N, C-alpha and C. Protein backbone atom coordinates (compact mmCIF):
# COMPACT_ATOMS: atom_id res chain seq x y z
N MET A 1 -29.15 9.25 16.97
CA MET A 1 -28.47 8.85 15.75
C MET A 1 -27.77 7.51 15.99
N ALA A 2 -27.92 6.62 15.07
CA ALA A 2 -27.30 5.30 15.18
C ALA A 2 -25.82 5.38 14.84
N GLY A 3 -25.04 4.62 15.56
CA GLY A 3 -23.61 4.51 15.25
C GLY A 3 -23.39 3.37 14.28
N TRP A 4 -22.20 3.29 13.68
CA TRP A 4 -21.95 2.24 12.68
C TRP A 4 -22.03 0.87 13.29
N SER A 5 -21.65 0.72 14.56
CA SER A 5 -21.70 -0.60 15.19
C SER A 5 -23.13 -1.05 15.46
N ASP A 6 -24.10 -0.13 15.32
CA ASP A 6 -25.49 -0.48 15.51
C ASP A 6 -26.10 -1.14 14.27
N HIS A 7 -25.34 -1.18 13.19
CA HIS A 7 -25.81 -1.84 11.96
C HIS A 7 -25.64 -3.35 12.14
N GLU A 8 -26.66 -4.00 12.67
CA GLU A 8 -26.60 -5.44 12.95
C GLU A 8 -26.31 -6.27 11.71
N ASP A 9 -26.72 -5.78 10.54
CA ASP A 9 -26.54 -6.55 9.31
C ASP A 9 -25.07 -6.68 8.90
N VAL A 10 -24.16 -5.97 9.54
CA VAL A 10 -22.74 -6.10 9.19
C VAL A 10 -22.03 -7.13 10.06
N HIS A 11 -22.67 -7.61 11.11
CA HIS A 11 -22.06 -8.61 11.97
C HIS A 11 -22.03 -9.97 11.26
N PRO A 12 -21.01 -10.79 11.52
CA PRO A 12 -20.94 -12.11 10.87
C PRO A 12 -22.07 -13.01 11.37
N GLU A 13 -22.59 -13.82 10.45
CA GLU A 13 -23.65 -14.75 10.80
C GLU A 13 -23.20 -16.20 10.72
N GLU A 14 -22.37 -16.51 9.73
CA GLU A 14 -21.97 -17.90 9.51
C GLU A 14 -20.49 -18.16 9.80
N LYS A 15 -19.67 -17.16 9.65
CA LYS A 15 -18.23 -17.35 9.87
C LYS A 15 -17.77 -16.54 11.07
N GLN A 16 -16.50 -16.60 11.37
CA GLN A 16 -15.93 -15.98 12.56
C GLN A 16 -15.93 -14.45 12.50
N TYR A 17 -15.64 -13.89 11.31
CA TYR A 17 -15.49 -12.44 11.16
C TYR A 17 -16.26 -11.93 9.95
N SER A 18 -16.55 -10.64 9.96
CA SER A 18 -17.11 -10.01 8.76
C SER A 18 -16.17 -8.89 8.32
N VAL A 19 -16.12 -8.69 7.00
CA VAL A 19 -15.33 -7.63 6.39
C VAL A 19 -16.33 -6.54 6.00
N VAL A 20 -16.13 -5.35 6.57
CA VAL A 20 -17.08 -4.27 6.39
C VAL A 20 -16.37 -3.05 5.79
N ARG A 21 -16.99 -2.49 4.75
CA ARG A 21 -16.48 -1.24 4.18
C ARG A 21 -17.27 -0.10 4.79
N MET A 22 -16.56 0.86 5.36
CA MET A 22 -17.18 2.04 5.93
C MET A 22 -16.87 3.23 5.04
N ASP A 23 -17.89 3.98 4.69
CA ASP A 23 -17.73 5.19 3.90
C ASP A 23 -17.85 6.37 4.83
N GLU A 24 -16.71 6.94 5.20
CA GLU A 24 -16.70 8.00 6.20
C GLU A 24 -17.22 9.33 5.67
N TRP A 25 -17.55 9.40 4.39
CA TRP A 25 -18.16 10.60 3.83
C TRP A 25 -19.66 10.62 4.09
N LYS A 26 -20.19 9.50 4.58
CA LYS A 26 -21.62 9.40 4.84
C LYS A 26 -21.87 9.42 6.35
N ALA A 27 -23.06 9.79 6.72
CA ALA A 27 -23.43 9.80 8.14
C ALA A 27 -23.64 8.37 8.63
N PRO A 28 -23.29 8.08 9.88
CA PRO A 28 -23.49 6.73 10.42
C PRO A 28 -24.94 6.27 10.35
N SER A 29 -25.88 7.18 10.28
CA SER A 29 -27.29 6.81 10.19
C SER A 29 -27.69 6.38 8.77
N ASP A 30 -26.86 6.65 7.76
CA ASP A 30 -27.16 6.23 6.39
C ASP A 30 -27.05 4.72 6.27
N ASP A 31 -27.95 4.12 5.51
CA ASP A 31 -27.96 2.67 5.33
C ASP A 31 -26.67 2.15 4.71
N ASP A 32 -26.06 2.93 3.83
CA ASP A 32 -24.85 2.47 3.14
C ASP A 32 -23.56 3.03 3.74
N PHE A 33 -23.62 3.50 4.99
CA PHE A 33 -22.41 3.93 5.69
C PHE A 33 -21.48 2.74 5.94
N ALA A 34 -22.06 1.62 6.35
CA ALA A 34 -21.30 0.40 6.62
C ALA A 34 -21.94 -0.75 5.86
N ILE A 35 -21.15 -1.37 4.97
CA ILE A 35 -21.65 -2.46 4.13
C ILE A 35 -20.78 -3.69 4.30
N LYS A 36 -21.41 -4.82 4.61
CA LYS A 36 -20.66 -6.06 4.75
C LYS A 36 -20.27 -6.56 3.37
N LEU A 37 -18.96 -6.74 3.17
CA LEU A 37 -18.45 -7.22 1.89
C LEU A 37 -18.35 -8.73 1.85
N ALA A 38 -18.01 -9.33 3.00
CA ALA A 38 -17.80 -10.78 3.04
C ALA A 38 -17.75 -11.23 4.50
N GLU A 39 -17.80 -12.55 4.66
CA GLU A 39 -17.54 -13.17 5.95
C GLU A 39 -16.34 -14.09 5.77
N ILE A 40 -15.46 -14.11 6.77
CA ILE A 40 -14.23 -14.89 6.69
C ILE A 40 -14.02 -15.66 7.99
N ASP A 41 -13.22 -16.73 7.92
CA ASP A 41 -12.91 -17.51 9.12
C ASP A 41 -11.59 -17.11 9.76
N SER A 42 -10.74 -16.41 9.00
CA SER A 42 -9.42 -16.03 9.50
C SER A 42 -9.10 -14.61 9.07
N ILE A 43 -8.41 -13.88 9.93
CA ILE A 43 -7.98 -12.52 9.60
C ILE A 43 -7.10 -12.53 8.35
N GLU A 44 -6.37 -13.60 8.15
CA GLU A 44 -5.47 -13.71 6.99
C GLU A 44 -6.24 -13.67 5.67
N GLU A 45 -7.52 -13.99 5.68
CA GLU A 45 -8.34 -13.96 4.47
C GLU A 45 -8.83 -12.56 4.13
N ALA A 46 -8.63 -11.61 5.01
CA ALA A 46 -9.14 -10.25 4.80
C ALA A 46 -8.41 -9.55 3.66
N PRO A 47 -9.10 -8.66 2.97
CA PRO A 47 -8.44 -7.89 1.91
C PRO A 47 -7.34 -7.02 2.52
N THR A 48 -6.31 -6.78 1.74
CA THR A 48 -5.18 -6.00 2.26
C THR A 48 -5.10 -4.60 1.69
N THR A 49 -6.02 -4.22 0.83
CA THR A 49 -6.00 -2.86 0.29
C THR A 49 -7.38 -2.23 0.39
N VAL A 50 -7.38 -0.94 0.39
CA VAL A 50 -8.61 -0.16 0.39
C VAL A 50 -8.51 0.78 -0.80
N ALA A 51 -9.51 0.78 -1.66
CA ALA A 51 -9.50 1.67 -2.81
C ALA A 51 -10.58 2.71 -2.62
N GLY A 52 -10.24 3.82 -2.07
CA GLY A 52 -11.23 4.87 -1.94
C GLY A 52 -10.90 5.83 -0.83
N ARG A 53 -10.85 7.08 -1.18
CA ARG A 53 -10.60 8.10 -0.18
C ARG A 53 -11.79 8.18 0.76
N GLY A 54 -11.54 8.23 2.04
CA GLY A 54 -12.61 8.31 3.02
C GLY A 54 -13.25 6.98 3.34
N GLU A 55 -12.65 5.89 2.87
CA GLU A 55 -13.18 4.57 3.17
C GLU A 55 -12.25 3.83 4.11
N SER A 56 -12.81 2.90 4.84
CA SER A 56 -12.04 2.02 5.71
C SER A 56 -12.58 0.61 5.56
N ILE A 57 -11.71 -0.36 5.76
CA ILE A 57 -12.13 -1.75 5.85
C ILE A 57 -11.98 -2.14 7.31
N VAL A 58 -13.06 -2.62 7.90
CA VAL A 58 -13.09 -3.00 9.30
C VAL A 58 -13.42 -4.47 9.40
N ILE A 59 -12.69 -5.20 10.23
CA ILE A 59 -12.98 -6.60 10.49
C ILE A 59 -13.67 -6.67 11.85
N LEU A 60 -14.87 -7.25 11.87
CA LEU A 60 -15.65 -7.37 13.10
C LEU A 60 -15.78 -8.83 13.51
N ASP A 61 -15.77 -9.08 14.83
CA ASP A 61 -16.05 -10.43 15.31
C ASP A 61 -17.55 -10.57 15.53
N LYS A 62 -17.98 -11.73 15.99
CA LYS A 62 -19.41 -12.01 16.14
C LYS A 62 -20.12 -11.09 17.13
N ASP A 63 -19.35 -10.51 18.07
CA ASP A 63 -19.94 -9.59 19.04
C ASP A 63 -19.97 -8.15 18.54
N GLY A 64 -19.45 -7.92 17.32
CA GLY A 64 -19.42 -6.57 16.77
C GLY A 64 -18.19 -5.78 17.17
N ASN A 65 -17.24 -6.45 17.82
CA ASN A 65 -15.99 -5.78 18.20
C ASN A 65 -15.07 -5.64 17.00
N THR A 66 -14.37 -4.51 16.91
CA THR A 66 -13.41 -4.28 15.84
C THR A 66 -12.14 -5.07 16.13
N VAL A 67 -11.72 -5.89 15.16
CA VAL A 67 -10.52 -6.70 15.30
C VAL A 67 -9.37 -6.08 14.51
N SER A 68 -9.68 -5.47 13.38
CA SER A 68 -8.66 -4.87 12.52
C SER A 68 -9.29 -3.73 11.72
N VAL A 69 -8.50 -2.68 11.47
CA VAL A 69 -8.97 -1.56 10.67
C VAL A 69 -7.89 -1.20 9.65
N THR A 70 -8.30 -1.00 8.41
CA THR A 70 -7.42 -0.50 7.37
C THR A 70 -8.02 0.80 6.88
N GLU A 71 -7.30 1.89 7.09
CA GLU A 71 -7.78 3.20 6.67
C GLU A 71 -7.52 3.41 5.20
N GLY A 72 -8.42 4.09 4.53
CA GLY A 72 -8.26 4.42 3.13
C GLY A 72 -7.19 5.49 2.95
N PRO A 73 -6.76 5.69 1.72
CA PRO A 73 -5.71 6.67 1.44
C PRO A 73 -6.19 8.10 1.67
N GLU A 74 -5.26 8.96 2.00
CA GLU A 74 -5.57 10.38 2.17
C GLU A 74 -5.73 11.06 0.81
N HIS A 75 -5.09 10.51 -0.18
CA HIS A 75 -5.14 11.06 -1.53
C HIS A 75 -5.56 9.94 -2.47
N PRO A 76 -6.36 10.21 -3.48
CA PRO A 76 -6.85 9.15 -4.36
C PRO A 76 -5.77 8.30 -5.03
N THR A 77 -4.56 8.82 -5.18
CA THR A 77 -3.51 8.03 -5.82
C THR A 77 -2.70 7.21 -4.82
N ASP A 78 -2.89 7.45 -3.52
CA ASP A 78 -2.19 6.68 -2.49
C ASP A 78 -2.83 5.31 -2.33
N THR A 79 -2.07 4.37 -1.85
CA THR A 79 -2.63 3.08 -1.47
C THR A 79 -2.14 2.74 -0.07
N THR A 80 -2.96 2.05 0.67
CA THR A 80 -2.62 1.64 2.02
C THR A 80 -2.88 0.16 2.13
N THR A 81 -1.94 -0.56 2.70
CA THR A 81 -2.16 -1.98 2.92
C THR A 81 -2.38 -2.23 4.40
N ARG A 82 -3.07 -3.30 4.70
CA ARG A 82 -3.36 -3.64 6.09
C ARG A 82 -2.07 -3.80 6.88
N ASP A 83 -1.04 -4.40 6.27
CA ASP A 83 0.23 -4.61 6.97
C ASP A 83 0.89 -3.30 7.39
N GLU A 84 0.68 -2.23 6.62
CA GLU A 84 1.30 -0.96 6.94
C GLU A 84 0.59 -0.25 8.09
N THR A 85 -0.66 -0.61 8.37
CA THR A 85 -1.42 0.09 9.39
C THR A 85 -1.50 -0.67 10.71
N GLU A 86 -1.10 -1.92 10.73
CA GLU A 86 -1.21 -2.70 11.97
C GLU A 86 0.08 -2.62 12.76
């Protein structure tokens, strides 16, 4: 079974980092388990909220290493910001 970091298409190609949404309700082998939302040059450009229970926003560097993680809310009405989790 492939792990989420094995999804080469989520690694940044043109910029320093990629912003990836992970859907933890899906199996890591599913194509839409990890989806690249954007590429950014600075961590400061990353989104600061996650809207979705069971979702995470992960910032990856060019080697596929996790630089930052923002966990989704435990309850659909909760919100989590990146600043609160770092």
